[in-house]
Amino acid sequence: MDLAQEEPAGDGEMEELVRVSTANIPNGENHLQRTHFPGMVRKKAYIFDGLGNYYNKEWDLAEGSGQEFCWYHVELPKGKQKLSQSAQYLIDVLCPPLKLQDILSLVSNGPFCGHVDGALVFRVNSPGPPSSNFTFRLAARVTENSVITISLGRVPRLGFSPVGQSLLSEIPSIESPSYHRGERNEGSGIVIREHVLEFLLTMNHSEEADNPVPKSVSNLVVHIIDTHMDHLQDVVTKLEMELDSVELELDRGGFALKKEMLDDRRFPKMHLNLQRLLQVIAHGEQVFPRVKEKCSSKHWFASEDIGSLEELIGRLRRLKENVGFLANRVTAIQAGLDSWQSEQINRKLYYLSFLSIIFLPLSVITGVFGMNVGGVPWTVQKDPALKDGFRNVMGLCLAMLLLVLLCFIFPALYSRLTAWLRRRSLKRTWSQNQRSFLKRTIGLQERGGYLRI
């Protein structure tokens, strides 16, 4: 299609065309026509009775009534899809009843907090690649009786599950080679592998085992922001553990390990990931205080949850300081590696310059005596008086070499000689002062006088 030959329609004509095309299609047929991505996103729907109980429900995007409220959560896949593709996924699962402006307010990049079509919408979407572990996207649409949230990938501890179905409710036993994965032993509980235990240690919270069921929409909003903070804290904890292990490897490693880290650009990549994480935290610092201000004016938002939001904002600021410390550590390690690399280069250049200084006068001497001109001494090999010419040239080269080496060694010899003379003079002055002090004190004791200050 040649776009240059098409005549663009005016704004009024385009709106009229869209209005006519949507009016001719029934609502049910229009929705079925947009369902082109089945199974591309994960959907979870809960209904809460306001008394501490929750139930799974069907995906109908309906709001609760009375004390009941609903929660609909969508997990976008972590892949290499474009932002427009993510918007198509959300249109597929949220329209209707949501409109295009609602979808754009939820899926767009950057921080946002405001009212869209009567609902409070906030997002902390980072513009990084969706496949990166340091790209976080969380958006929420909050009304009095329903909450719709969208996240990129799975957020730990965000959902709800019975406590008995969690791994943390089991009694673990020590890993043994005779046990198989997931095998139970009578009286000793379940066997936990070492890599699973290391994964649990990187988390600063228990996984889906201590989630209090929210009793109001305000409790649910605090829970969503809290789990987002926990997710960020988990990533920071993993970075700290990785940085500690890398520092230990650098202390124990040698030339090959440092060269490999420099070639892989490991620390510049880690620094870039930290900057992405700082960007996400900065988005949270912009959005969450505005969420607190807007929620404080809502009659259905509890005052206790306002205080909880204030604590989460303070926690976010402390997390930002911690990430800044990590960035400084990475910068210091990278600077150490750069200085080590420059030292290696300078050492090689020193050896090369030393060899060039040694062989330069020798090459000059051999070049002079190798010229095809007459009158150069010791070049007439047939003359019996000059039969030792080669020996004389070699002696001259040896003398030049000794002179060059003496020039290199002389500064060290001079510094050692001056240091020895300085120490000798200090010992001499100390001994003289000591003898004079003893003479003065003895004379004063004999005369019974006082020492003049």
Protein backbone atom coordinates (compact mmCIF):
# COMPACT_ATOMS: atom_id res chain seq x y z
CA MET A 1 0.00 0.00 0.00
CA ASP A 2 1.40 3.37 -0.98
CA LEU A 3 0.82 5.62 1.98
CA ALA A 4 2.08 8.70 0.17
CA GLN A 5 -0.80 8.58 -2.33
CA GLU A 6 -3.55 8.28 0.28
CA GLU A 7 -5.39 11.40 1.38
CA PRO A 8 -5.74 11.54 5.17
CA ALA A 9 -9.25 12.09 6.41
CA GLY A 10 -10.08 14.93 8.78
CA ASP A 11 -10.70 14.43 12.46
CA GLY A 12 -14.45 14.71 12.08
CA GLU A 13 -14.54 12.26 9.18
CA MET A 14 -12.42 9.74 11.10
CA GLU A 15 -14.61 9.95 14.20
CA GLU A 16 -17.74 9.53 12.09
CA LEU A 17 -16.19 6.49 10.36
CA VAL A 18 -15.31 4.84 13.68
CA ARG A 19 -18.75 5.63 15.08
CA VAL A 20 -20.55 4.09 12.10
CA SER A 21 -18.35 0.97 12.04
CA THR A 22 -18.87 0.27 15.76
CA ALA A 23 -22.57 1.00 15.62
CA ASN A 24 -23.17 -1.66 12.97
CA ILE A 25 -21.59 -4.42 15.12
CA PRO A 26 -23.36 -5.79 18.20
CA ASN A 27 -21.56 -5.65 21.50
CA GLY A 28 -21.25 -9.41 21.86
CA GLU A 29 -19.94 -9.89 18.33
CA ASN A 30 -17.51 -7.00 18.75
CA HIS A 31 -16.09 -8.55 21.93
CA LEU A 32 -15.76 -11.98 20.35
CA GLN A 33 -14.03 -10.47 17.37
CA ARG A 34 -11.34 -8.91 19.59
CA THR A 35 -10.57 -12.17 21.40
CA HIS A 36 -7.50 -13.08 19.40
CA PHE A 37 -5.01 -14.02 22.18
CA PRO A 38 -6.46 -16.81 24.32
CA GLY A 39 -4.11 -17.99 27.05
CA MET A 40 -1.48 -15.28 26.48
CA VAL A 41 -2.00 -13.70 29.92
CA ARG A 42 -2.64 -15.16 33.36
CA LYS A 43 -5.83 -14.02 35.04
CA LYS A 44 -6.87 -14.25 38.69
CA ALA A 45 -10.20 -13.15 40.11
CA TYR A 46 -11.13 -13.01 43.81
CA ILE A 47 -14.15 -11.82 45.73
CA PHE A 48 -13.87 -10.76 49.38
CA ASP A 49 -16.76 -10.67 51.81
CA GLY A 50 -15.25 -7.95 54.02
CA LEU A 51 -14.96 -10.31 57.00
CA GLY A 52 -11.57 -11.85 56.24
CA ASN A 53 -12.70 -14.49 53.75
CA TYR A 54 -12.07 -14.70 50.00
CA TYR A 55 -13.27 -16.92 47.17
CA ASN A 56 -12.26 -17.48 43.58
CA LYS A 57 -14.72 -16.16 41.04
CA GLU A 58 -15.24 -16.09 37.31
CA TRP A 59 -13.70 -13.41 35.12
CA ASP A 60 -16.62 -11.07 34.56
CA LEU A 61 -15.09 -7.76 35.77
CA ALA A 62 -18.15 -7.10 37.89
CA GLU A 63 -17.99 -4.96 41.02
CA GLY A 64 -19.02 -6.09 44.47
CA SER A 65 -22.03 -4.89 46.42
CA GLY A 66 -22.24 -3.81 50.03
CA GLN A 67 -19.18 -4.93 51.98
CA GLU A 68 -18.11 -7.26 49.19
CA PHE A 69 -15.40 -6.17 46.77
CA CYS A 70 -13.65 -7.88 43.86
CA TRP A 71 -10.07 -8.05 42.69
CA TYR A 72 -9.01 -8.85 39.12
CA HIS A 73 -5.33 -9.33 38.38
CA VAL A 74 -3.64 -9.72 34.97
CA GLU A 75 -0.05 -10.96 34.52
CA LEU A 76 1.55 -9.89 31.26
CA PRO A 77 4.18 -12.29 29.85
CA LYS A 78 7.85 -11.42 30.27
CA GLY A 79 9.04 -11.61 26.69
CA LYS A 80 10.25 -9.47 23.83
CA GLN A 81 6.81 -8.20 22.85
CA LYS A 82 6.25 -4.54 22.09
CA LEU A 83 4.22 -2.20 24.22
CA SER A 84 1.45 -2.21 21.62
CA GLN A 85 1.28 -6.00 21.90
CA SER A 86 0.80 -5.74 25.67
CA ALA A 87 -1.98 -3.22 25.05
CA GLN A 88 -3.67 -5.68 22.70
CA TYR A 89 -3.50 -8.37 25.38
CA LEU A 90 -5.21 -6.04 27.86
CA ILE A 91 -7.86 -4.99 25.36
CA ASP A 92 -8.54 -8.67 24.80
CA VAL A 93 -9.22 -9.41 28.50
CA LEU A 94 -10.49 -6.08 29.89
CA CYS A 95 -12.70 -4.63 27.17
CA PRO A 96 -15.59 -4.31 27.86
CA PRO A 97 -16.32 -2.81 30.39
CA LEU A 98 -13.03 -0.87 30.28
CA LYS A 99 -12.48 1.62 27.50
CA LEU A 100 -9.45 2.54 25.49
CA GLN A 101 -8.49 5.42 27.78
CA ASP A 102 -8.49 3.02 30.74
CA ILE A 103 -6.21 0.59 28.89
CA LEU A 104 -3.81 3.35 27.87
CA SER A 105 -3.64 4.69 31.43
CA LEU A 106 -2.75 1.22 32.72
CA VAL A 107 -0.23 0.05 30.11
CA SER A 108 1.68 3.22 29.25
CA ASN A 109 5.24 3.74 30.48
CA GLY A 110 6.28 6.08 33.24
CA PRO A 111 4.74 7.14 36.57
CA PHE A 112 1.11 8.23 36.75
CA CYS A 113 -1.50 8.86 39.40
CA GLY A 114 -4.90 10.38 38.71
CA HIS A 115 -8.60 9.82 38.15
CA VAL A 116 -9.65 8.25 34.86
CA ASP A 117 -13.37 7.86 34.21
CA GLY A 118 -14.16 8.20 37.92
CA ALA A 119 -11.64 5.59 39.10
CA LEU A 120 -8.27 6.13 40.79
CA VAL A 121 -5.50 4.88 38.48
CA PHE A 122 -1.81 4.71 39.37
CA ARG A 123 1.12 2.98 37.66
CA VAL A 124 4.89 2.61 38.13
CA ASN A 125 5.81 1.16 34.75
CA SER A 126 9.49 1.28 33.81
CA PRO A 127 10.32 1.63 30.10
CA GLY A 128 12.99 -1.09 30.03
CA PRO A 129 12.84 -4.31 27.99
CA PRO A 130 10.08 -6.61 29.27
CA SER A 131 12.42 -9.63 29.30
CA SER A 132 14.79 -7.99 31.81
CA ASN A 133 14.65 -8.95 35.48
CA PHE A 134 15.03 -5.27 36.36
CA THR A 135 11.97 -4.04 34.47
CA PHE A 136 8.99 -3.67 36.79
CA ARG A 137 5.49 -2.74 35.76
CA LEU A 138 2.60 -2.42 38.15
CA ALA A 139 -0.65 -0.57 37.47
CA ALA A 140 -3.93 -0.49 39.37
CA ARG A 141 -7.44 0.83 38.81
CA VAL A 142 -9.22 1.33 42.13
CA THR A 143 -12.91 1.95 42.73
CA GLU A 144 -15.03 1.64 45.86
CA ASN A 145 -15.90 -2.04 45.28
CA SER A 146 -13.33 -3.36 42.81
CA VAL A 147 -9.62 -3.30 42.05
CA ILE A 148 -7.99 -4.20 38.73
CA THR A 149 -4.21 -4.68 38.75
CA ILE A 150 -1.72 -5.42 35.97
CA SER A 151 1.84 -6.65 36.50
CA LEU A 152 4.69 -7.74 34.25
CA GLY A 153 5.31 -11.35 35.15
CA ARG A 154 4.63 -12.85 38.52
CA VAL A 155 4.88 -10.73 41.67
CA PRO A 156 5.76 -12.84 44.75
CA ARG A 157 3.25 -12.92 47.60
CA LEU A 158 0.68 -10.99 45.57
CA GLY A 159 -1.92 -13.74 45.31
CA PHE A 160 -3.58 -15.82 47.98
CA SER A 161 -3.34 -19.54 48.65
CA PRO A 162 -4.21 -21.80 51.60
CA VAL A 163 -1.41 -22.10 54.14
CA GLY A 164 -1.44 -25.89 54.01
CA GLN A 165 -0.49 -25.87 50.34
CA SER A 166 2.71 -23.88 50.90
CA LEU A 167 6.20 -25.36 51.19
CA LEU A 168 6.80 -23.29 54.31
CA SER A 169 4.15 -25.21 56.22
CA GLU A 170 6.21 -28.42 55.92
CA ILE A 171 8.82 -29.72 58.36
CA PRO A 172 12.07 -29.89 56.39
CA SER A 173 14.93 -32.33 56.70
CA ILE A 174 18.55 -32.10 55.67
CA GLU A 175 19.32 -32.92 52.06
CA SER A 176 20.84 -36.36 51.59
CA PRO A 177 22.07 -38.10 48.41
CA SER A 178 19.79 -41.05 49.13
CA TYR A 179 16.70 -38.85 48.92
CA HIS A 180 15.04 -38.05 45.66
CA ARG A 181 13.52 -34.73 44.80
CA GLY A 182 10.27 -34.20 46.67
CA GLU A 183 10.51 -37.58 48.43
CA ARG A 184 9.12 -37.71 51.93
CA ASN A 185 10.60 -39.66 54.77
CA GLU A 186 8.48 -40.80 57.68
CA GLY A 187 8.97 -38.65 60.72
CA SER A 188 11.45 -36.28 59.04
CA GLY A 189 9.27 -34.13 56.75
CA ILE A 190 10.05 -33.06 53.22
CA VAL A 191 13.56 -32.86 51.81
CA ILE A 192 14.59 -29.40 50.59
CA ARG A 193 17.30 -29.15 48.01
CA GLU A 194 20.15 -26.73 48.54
CA HIS A 195 19.27 -24.49 45.59
CA VAL A 196 15.67 -24.21 46.86
CA LEU A 197 16.94 -23.21 50.29
CA GLU A 198 19.23 -20.59 48.73
CA PHE A 199 16.26 -19.19 46.79
CA LEU A 200 14.19 -18.91 49.97
CA LEU A 201 17.05 -17.14 51.74
CA THR A 202 17.09 -14.41 49.07
CA MET A 203 13.51 -13.47 49.98
CA ASN A 204 12.85 -11.11 52.85
CA HIS A 205 9.35 -12.50 53.36
CA SER A 206 7.59 -15.83 53.42
CA GLU A 207 6.08 -16.91 50.14
CA GLU A 208 2.28 -16.80 50.17
CA ALA A 209 2.06 -18.15 53.71
CA ASP A 210 1.45 -15.07 55.85
CA ASN A 211 -0.79 -12.97 53.62
CA PRO A 212 -3.55 -11.43 55.71
CA VAL A 213 -6.78 -11.42 53.76
CA PRO A 214 -7.88 -7.81 53.21
CA LYS A 215 -11.19 -6.74 54.70
CA SER A 216 -11.58 -3.60 52.60
CA VAL A 217 -10.40 -2.05 49.37
CA SER A 218 -7.95 0.10 51.29
CA ASN A 219 -6.37 -3.04 52.81
CA LEU A 220 -6.08 -4.50 49.32
CA VAL A 221 -4.35 -1.39 47.93
CA VAL A 222 -1.84 -1.47 50.79
CA HIS A 223 -1.28 -5.18 50.14
CA ILE A 224 -0.58 -4.54 46.43
CA ILE A 225 1.95 -1.77 47.13
CA ASP A 226 3.52 -3.82 49.93
CA THR A 227 4.10 -6.81 47.65
CA HIS A 228 5.62 -4.50 45.04
CA MET A 229 8.04 -3.24 47.69
CA ASP A 230 8.86 -6.80 48.72
CA HIS A 231 9.61 -7.67 45.09
CA LEU A 232 12.05 -4.76 44.84
CA GLN A 233 13.64 -5.75 48.14
CA ASP A 234 14.13 -9.32 46.87
CA VAL A 235 15.97 -8.06 43.80
CA VAL A 236 18.19 -5.82 45.94
CA THR A 237 18.96 -8.75 48.27
CA LYS A 238 19.98 -10.93 45.34
CA LEU A 239 22.23 -8.16 44.05
CA GLU A 240 23.88 -7.81 47.45
CA MET A 241 24.56 -11.55 47.66
CA GLU A 242 25.90 -11.61 44.11
CA LEU A 243 28.15 -8.64 44.79
CA ASP A 244 29.51 -10.24 47.97
CA SER A 245 30.33 -13.46 46.11
CA VAL A 246 32.01 -11.52 43.31
CA GLU A 247 34.16 -9.59 45.78
CA LEU A 248 35.19 -12.87 47.41
CA GLU A 249 36.09 -14.32 44.02
CA LEU A 250 38.16 -11.24 43.20
CA ASP A 251 40.07 -11.54 46.48
CA ARG A 252 40.86 -15.20 45.81
CA GLY A 253 41.18 -15.03 42.04
CA GLY A 254 44.13 -14.12 39.91
CA PHE A 255 44.92 -12.70 36.52
CA ALA A 256 42.58 -14.97 34.54
CA LEU A 257 39.50 -14.18 36.66
CA LYS A 258 40.03 -10.42 36.54
CA LYS A 259 40.64 -10.56 32.79
CA GLU A 260 37.43 -12.55 32.32
CA MET A 261 35.37 -10.07 34.34
CA LEU A 262 36.77 -7.19 32.34
CA ASP A 263 36.05 -8.92 29.05
CA ASP A 264 32.49 -9.82 30.09
CA ARG A 265 31.79 -6.24 31.26
CA ARG A 266 30.18 -7.72 34.33
CA PHE A 267 30.25 -4.65 36.55
CA PRO A 268 29.10 -2.15 33.91
CA LYS A 269 26.10 -4.41 33.27
CA MET A 270 25.43 -4.63 37.01
CA HIS A 271 25.66 -0.85 37.27
CA LEU A 272 23.16 -0.49 34.42
CA ASN A 273 20.75 -2.84 36.21
CA LEU A 274 21.11 -0.79 39.38
CA GLN A 275 20.27 2.37 37.46
CA ARG A 276 17.14 0.70 36.10
CA LEU A 277 16.22 -0.30 39.63
CA LEU A 278 16.77 3.26 40.83
CA GLN A 279 14.47 4.46 38.07
CA VAL A 280 11.70 2.14 39.29
CA ILE A 281 12.18 3.37 42.85
CA ALA A 282 12.09 6.98 41.65
CA HIS A 283 8.77 6.25 39.93
CA GLY A 284 7.46 4.90 43.22
CA GLU A 285 8.62 8.02 45.04
CA GLN A 286 6.61 10.12 42.61
CA VAL A 287 3.45 8.00 42.57
CA PHE A 288 2.88 6.58 46.05
CA PRO A 289 2.76 9.93 47.93
CA ARG A 290 0.15 11.14 45.43
CA VAL A 291 -1.77 7.90 45.94
CA LYS A 292 -1.76 8.58 49.69
CA GLU A 293 -3.01 12.13 49.17
CA LYS A 294 -5.81 11.08 46.84
CA CYS A 295 -6.85 8.14 48.99
CA SER A 296 -6.99 10.26 52.13
CA SER A 297 -9.93 12.14 50.61
CA LYS A 298 -11.91 8.92 50.00
CA HIS A 299 -14.48 8.00 52.62
CA TRP A 300 -13.97 4.27 51.99
CA PHE A 301 -10.19 4.43 52.60
CA ALA A 302 -9.34 3.70 56.25
CA SER A 303 -7.06 6.03 58.22
CA GLU A 304 -4.97 3.07 59.41
CA ASP A 305 -4.14 2.26 55.79
CA ILE A 306 -3.07 5.87 55.25
CA GLY A 307 -0.47 5.33 57.97
CA SER A 308 0.57 2.07 56.32
CA LEU A 309 1.11 3.89 53.03
CA GLU A 310 3.26 6.44 54.84
CA GLU A 311 5.43 3.63 56.26
CA LEU A 312 5.78 2.09 52.79
CA ILE A 313 6.91 5.43 51.38
CA GLY A 314 9.59 5.68 54.07
CA ARG A 315 10.66 2.13 53.34
CA LEU A 316 10.96 3.00 49.66
CA ARG A 317 13.29 5.89 50.48
CA ARG A 318 15.49 3.65 52.62
CA LEU A 319 15.58 1.13 49.80
CA LYS A 320 16.75 3.88 47.44
CA GLU A 321 19.64 4.66 49.79
CA ASN A 322 20.58 0.98 49.89
CA VAL A 323 20.60 0.76 46.09
CA GLY A 324 22.78 3.89 46.01
CA PHE A 325 25.29 2.17 48.33
CA LEU A 326 25.33 -0.85 46.01
CA ALA A 327 25.96 1.40 43.01
CA ASN A 328 28.90 2.99 44.84
CA ARG A 329 30.32 -0.45 45.63
CA VAL A 330 30.04 -1.53 42.01
CA THR A 331 31.72 1.70 40.90
CA ALA A 332 34.56 1.16 43.38
CA ILE A 333 35.12 -2.43 42.23
CA GLN A 334 35.09 -1.37 38.58
CA ALA A 335 37.58 1.41 39.36
CA GLY A 336 39.83 -1.14 41.06
CA LEU A 337 39.70 -3.39 38.02
CA ASP A 338 40.43 -0.46 35.72
CA SER A 339 43.46 0.54 37.79
CA TRP A 340 44.65 -3.08 37.78
CA GLN A 341 44.32 -3.20 34.00
CA SER A 342 46.18 0.09 33.57
CA GLU A 343 48.88 -1.21 35.91
CA GLN A 344 49.28 -4.33 33.78
CA ILE A 345 49.54 -2.21 30.64
CA ASN A 346 52.07 0.13 32.26
CA ARG A 347 54.16 -2.81 33.41
CA LYS A 348 54.26 -4.23 29.89
CA LEU A 349 55.14 -0.83 28.48
CA TYR A 350 57.89 -0.50 31.10
CA TYR A 351 59.43 -3.79 30.05
CA LEU A 352 59.20 -2.79 26.40
CA SER A 353 60.77 0.62 27.02
CA PHE A 354 63.52 -0.96 29.13
CA LEU A 355 64.40 -3.36 26.31
CA SER A 356 64.30 -0.56 23.75
CA ILE A 357 66.62 1.61 25.87
CA ILE A 358 69.06 -1.29 26.24
CA PHE A 359 69.16 -2.22 22.57
CA LEU A 360 69.01 1.30 21.14
CA PRO A 361 72.68 2.26 21.84
CA LEU A 362 73.81 -1.20 20.83
CA SER A 363 72.03 -0.89 17.53
CA VAL A 364 73.63 2.54 17.03
CA ILE A 365 77.12 1.11 17.60
CA THR A 366 76.59 -1.87 15.31
CA GLY A 367 75.07 0.45 12.70
CA VAL A 368 78.10 2.75 12.79
CA PHE A 369 80.60 -0.08 12.48
CA GLY A 370 78.55 -1.73 9.78
CA MET A 371 78.69 1.23 7.37
CA ASN A 372 80.52 0.65 4.07
CA VAL A 373 82.86 3.66 4.37
CA GLY A 374 86.56 3.92 4.86
CA GLY A 375 88.34 5.27 7.90
CA VAL A 376 86.17 3.58 10.54
CA PRO A 377 88.51 2.21 13.21
CA TRP A 378 88.85 -1.53 13.75
CA THR A 379 87.21 -2.37 10.41
CA VAL A 380 90.31 -3.39 8.49
CA GLN A 381 90.36 -7.11 9.28
CA LYS A 382 93.52 -7.87 7.20
CA ASP A 383 95.70 -5.45 9.15
CA PRO A 384 97.58 -7.38 11.90
CA ALA A 385 97.55 -4.30 14.11
CA LEU A 386 93.71 -4.27 14.08
CA LYS A 387 93.07 -8.00 14.49
CA ASP A 388 91.26 -7.37 17.80
CA GLY A 389 88.67 -5.02 16.26
CA PHE A 390 85.68 -7.28 16.91
CA ARG A 391 86.73 -7.66 20.54
CA ASN A 392 87.06 -3.92 20.90
CA VAL A 393 83.57 -3.35 19.43
CA MET A 394 82.04 -5.90 21.81
CA GLY A 395 83.83 -4.24 24.71
CA LEU A 396 82.45 -0.89 23.67
CA CYS A 397 78.92 -2.37 23.52
CA LEU A 398 79.40 -3.87 26.99
CA ALA A 399 80.58 -0.54 28.37
CA MET A 400 77.56 1.21 26.85
CA LEU A 401 75.26 -1.42 28.35
CA LEU A 402 76.81 -0.96 31.79
CA LEU A 403 76.41 2.79 31.47
CA VAL A 404 72.70 2.43 30.63
CA LEU A 405 72.17 0.04 33.54
CA LEU A 406 74.03 2.42 35.84
CA CYS A 407 71.71 5.21 34.75
CA PHE A 408 68.74 3.02 35.77
CA ILE A 409 70.29 1.87 39.03
CA PHE A 410 71.76 5.24 40.06
CA PRO A 411 68.47 6.78 41.37
CA ALA A 412 67.89 3.80 43.64
CA LEU A 413 71.47 3.86 44.86
CA TYR A 414 71.29 7.60 45.41
CA SER A 415 68.03 7.33 47.39
CA ARG A 416 69.46 4.56 49.57
CA LEU A 417 72.67 6.50 50.17
CA THR A 418 70.80 9.67 51.16
CA ALA A 419 68.50 7.69 53.46
CA TRP A 420 71.52 6.07 55.14
CA LEU A 421 73.18 9.45 55.61
CA ARG A 422 69.97 10.90 57.04
CA ARG A 423 69.59 8.08 59.55
CA ARG A 424 73.22 8.42 60.54
CA SER A 425 72.88 12.13 61.12
CA LEU A 426 69.74 11.60 63.19
CA LYS A 427 71.47 9.04 65.39
CA ARG A 428 74.44 11.38 65.85
CA THR A 429 72.25 14.34 66.85
CA TRP A 430 70.21 12.16 69.21
CA SER A 431 73.30 10.85 70.96
CA GLN A 432 74.73 14.37 71.29
CA ASN A 433 71.46 15.72 72.67
CA GLN A 434 71.24 12.84 75.11
CA ARG A 435 74.78 13.44 76.41
CA SER A 436 74.23 17.17 76.69
CA PHE A 437 70.94 16.64 78.54
CA LEU A 438 72.62 14.29 80.98
CA LYS A 439 75.44 16.77 81.52
CA ARG A 440 73.00 19.59 82.14
CA THR A 441 70.86 17.60 84.57
CA ILE A 442 73.88 16.29 86.46
CA GLY A 443 75.29 19.79 86.81
CA LEU A 444 71.97 21.12 88.05
CA GLN A 445 71.63 18.31 90.59
CA GLU A 446 75.13 19.06 91.92
CA ARG A 447 74.35 22.78 92.20
CA GLY A 448 70.84 22.17 93.49
CA GLY A 449 69.35 24.55 90.96
CA TYR A 450 66.44 24.35 88.53
CA LEU A 451 66.32 23.57 84.82
CA ARG A 452 65.66 26.70 82.79
CA ILE A 453 62.72 26.33 80.39
